[in-house]
Amino acid sequence: MGIHDIPLKTLAGEDTTLGALEGKTLLVVNVASKCGLTPQYTGLEKLQERYADKGFSVVGFPCNQFAGQEPGTAEEIQTFCSTTYGVSFPLFEKLDVNGESRHPLYAELTKAADAEGAAGDVQWNFEKFLIAPSGEVVGRFRPRTEPEDETITKAIDATIG
């Protein structure tokens, strides 16, 4: 099963897969509303606006595994993201990115290594994985790498042609 085929749920609870976005370059991010890195939503939305018409989308996966920093309900998360940061990119159901209950999507994503060659567990909220239109993970960026950092934008540019 490829990354595009893994069953997911939207933040509204509807069944879906990343296949709905197949053919696009995706930046998959585990997000949280009450984290010191939460202002990265601004940069993520700027990437969405900058690249959306070029076959790109940010996709957010709320996660409450890091110091309980995403405690809200789906409705609270949606309201916070849209009213505080104007988020227009798709958000999915809250899930686990590490441990025994790690979601199958993150079981695949965490096989990818970062620039230093380290794979494995997600370190914290706002870790980013770049997926090429083919479904291949082509980049992994640790939480403190800002969304608009040149390493990310160059990688996006390379996948969208």
Protein backbone atom coordinates (compact mmCIF):
# COMPACT_ATOMS: atom_id res chain seq x y z
CA MET A 1 0.00 0.00 0.00
CA GLY A 2 1.40 3.37 -1.02
CA ILE A 3 1.19 6.60 0.97
CA HIS A 4 -1.70 7.78 -1.20
CA ASP A 5 -3.74 4.67 -0.26
CA ILE A 6 -3.52 4.77 3.56
CA PRO A 7 -6.99 5.29 5.08
CA LEU A 8 -7.40 8.66 6.82
CA LYS A 9 -10.20 10.78 8.20
CA THR A 10 -10.67 14.47 7.57
CA LEU A 11 -10.98 16.77 10.57
CA ALA A 12 -14.74 16.58 9.95
CA GLY A 13 -14.56 12.77 10.37
CA GLU A 14 -15.04 11.84 6.71
CA ASP A 15 -13.17 8.85 5.28
CA THR A 16 -10.47 9.79 2.78
CA THR A 17 -6.87 9.16 1.71
CA LEU A 18 -4.06 11.32 0.43
CA GLY A 19 -5.12 9.91 -2.95
CA ALA A 20 -7.56 12.82 -3.07
CA LEU A 21 -4.41 14.97 -3.44
CA GLU A 22 -2.52 12.57 -5.72
CA GLY A 23 -0.46 14.32 -8.34
CA LYS A 24 0.42 17.12 -5.93
CA THR A 25 3.54 17.75 -3.90
CA LEU A 26 2.54 17.55 -0.24
CA LEU A 27 4.11 18.93 2.92
CA VAL A 28 2.78 16.73 5.73
CA VAL A 29 3.02 18.37 9.17
CA ASN A 30 1.98 17.22 12.63
CA VAL A 31 0.44 20.35 14.12
CA ALA A 32 -0.61 21.58 17.57
CA SER A 33 -2.54 24.63 18.74
CA LYS A 34 -0.82 25.22 22.09
CA CYS A 35 2.87 24.80 21.22
CA GLY A 36 5.69 27.31 21.16
CA LEU A 37 6.00 26.43 17.47
CA THR A 38 2.30 27.08 16.72
CA PRO A 39 3.13 30.39 14.97
CA GLN A 40 4.57 28.19 12.19
CA TYR A 41 0.96 28.00 10.98
CA THR A 42 1.62 31.46 9.47
CA GLY A 43 4.53 30.16 7.38
CA LEU A 44 2.64 27.01 6.41
CA GLU A 45 -0.27 29.12 5.15
CA LYS A 46 2.16 31.33 3.21
CA LEU A 47 3.59 28.20 1.52
CA GLN A 48 0.04 27.09 0.71
CA GLU A 49 -0.76 30.45 -0.87
CA ARG A 50 2.57 30.64 -2.73
CA TYR A 51 2.48 27.15 -4.26
CA ALA A 52 -1.18 26.01 -4.34
CA ASP A 53 -1.63 26.86 -8.02
CA LYS A 54 1.55 24.92 -8.86
CA GLY A 55 0.29 21.54 -7.66
CA PHE A 56 1.21 21.76 -3.98
CA SER A 57 -0.59 21.47 -0.67
CA VAL A 58 0.28 21.58 2.99
CA VAL A 59 -1.59 18.87 4.92
CA GLY A 60 -1.92 19.14 8.68
CA PHE A 61 -2.32 16.32 11.16
CA PRO A 62 -3.15 17.47 14.68
CA CYS A 63 -1.30 15.48 17.33
CA ASN A 64 -1.60 15.56 21.12
CA GLN A 65 1.44 13.36 21.87
CA PHE A 66 3.84 16.16 22.78
CA ALA A 67 3.08 17.65 26.20
CA GLY A 68 -0.67 17.57 25.48
CA GLN A 69 -0.35 20.59 23.19
CA GLU A 70 -3.33 19.70 20.97
CA PRO A 71 -6.10 18.98 23.50
CA GLY A 72 -9.00 20.37 21.47
CA THR A 73 -11.87 18.70 19.70
CA ALA A 74 -11.94 18.64 15.91
CA GLU A 75 -14.29 21.63 15.93
CA GLU A 76 -12.05 23.59 18.32
CA ILE A 77 -8.98 22.83 16.19
CA GLN A 78 -10.75 23.93 12.99
CA THR A 79 -11.99 27.15 14.59
CA PHE A 80 -8.59 27.98 16.06
CA CYS A 81 -6.74 27.35 12.79
CA SER A 82 -9.15 29.29 10.61
CA THR A 83 -9.74 32.26 12.89
CA THR A 84 -6.22 32.65 14.32
CA TYR A 85 -4.10 31.77 11.29
CA GLY A 86 -6.48 31.78 8.31
CA VAL A 87 -5.55 28.18 7.51
CA SER A 88 -6.88 27.14 4.12
CA PHE A 89 -5.00 23.85 3.70
CA PRO A 90 -6.60 20.51 4.60
CA LEU A 91 -6.54 19.34 8.20
CA PHE A 92 -7.07 15.73 9.13
CA GLU A 93 -8.22 13.88 12.23
CA LYS A 94 -5.99 14.00 15.29
CA LEU A 95 -3.59 11.03 15.30
CA ASP A 96 -0.49 9.58 16.95
CA VAL A 97 2.83 9.98 15.16
CA ASN A 98 4.97 7.85 17.52
CA GLY A 99 4.63 4.77 19.72
CA GLU A 100 2.50 1.65 19.59
CA SER A 101 -0.55 3.53 18.31
CA ARG A 102 1.41 5.36 15.58
CA HIS A 103 -0.86 5.90 12.58
CA PRO A 104 0.10 3.86 9.48
CA LEU A 105 0.82 7.09 7.57
CA TYR A 106 3.47 8.03 10.11
CA ALA A 107 4.78 4.46 10.19
CA GLU A 108 5.71 5.10 6.55
CA LEU A 109 6.83 8.71 6.91
CA THR A 110 9.18 8.04 9.82
CA LYS A 111 11.20 5.61 7.69
CA ALA A 112 12.52 8.69 5.86
CA ALA A 113 15.74 10.26 7.08
CA ASP A 114 16.36 13.96 7.66
CA ALA A 115 19.30 15.91 6.18
CA GLU A 116 21.63 14.42 8.83
CA GLY A 117 20.57 10.88 7.94
CA ALA A 118 18.40 10.29 11.03
CA ALA A 119 15.10 8.45 10.58
CA GLY A 120 12.73 7.23 13.28
CA ASP A 121 10.40 8.96 15.70
CA VAL A 122 9.01 12.43 15.15
CA GLN A 123 10.85 14.76 17.54
CA TRP A 124 8.07 17.26 18.34
CA ASN A 125 5.15 19.18 16.86
CA PHE A 126 5.63 20.72 13.40
CA GLU A 127 7.96 18.09 11.95
CA LYS A 128 7.59 18.26 8.18
CA PHE A 129 7.70 15.57 5.47
CA LEU A 130 7.79 16.48 1.78
CA ILE A 131 6.06 13.99 -0.49
CA ALA A 132 6.58 14.10 -4.25
CA PRO A 133 3.55 13.65 -6.56
CA SER A 134 4.64 10.00 -6.99
CA GLY A 135 4.11 9.36 -3.27
CA GLU A 136 7.83 9.18 -2.47
CA VAL A 137 9.04 10.95 0.67
CA VAL A 138 11.72 13.31 -0.66
CA GLY A 139 12.43 15.46 2.37
CA ARG A 140 12.19 15.50 6.15
CA PHE A 141 12.55 18.69 8.13
CA ARG A 142 12.73 18.79 11.91
CA PRO A 143 10.33 20.92 13.98
CA ARG A 144 12.48 24.02 14.37
CA THR A 145 12.95 24.37 10.59
CA GLU A 146 10.63 27.23 9.69
CA PRO A 147 8.16 26.48 6.86
CA GLU A 148 9.60 29.19 4.62
CA ASP A 149 13.21 28.14 5.24
CA GLU A 150 15.20 27.96 2.01
CA THR A 151 15.85 24.22 2.47
CA ILE A 152 12.10 23.60 2.32
CA THR A 153 11.27 26.03 -0.49
CA LYS A 154 14.12 24.69 -2.65
CA ALA A 155 12.90 21.13 -2.08
CA ILE A 156 9.34 22.14 -3.00
CA ASP A 157 10.60 23.94 -6.12
CA ALA A 158 12.50 20.79 -7.14
CA THR A 159 9.38 18.62 -6.93
CA ILE A 160 6.98 20.95 -8.71
CA GLY A 161 9.30 21.47 -11.63
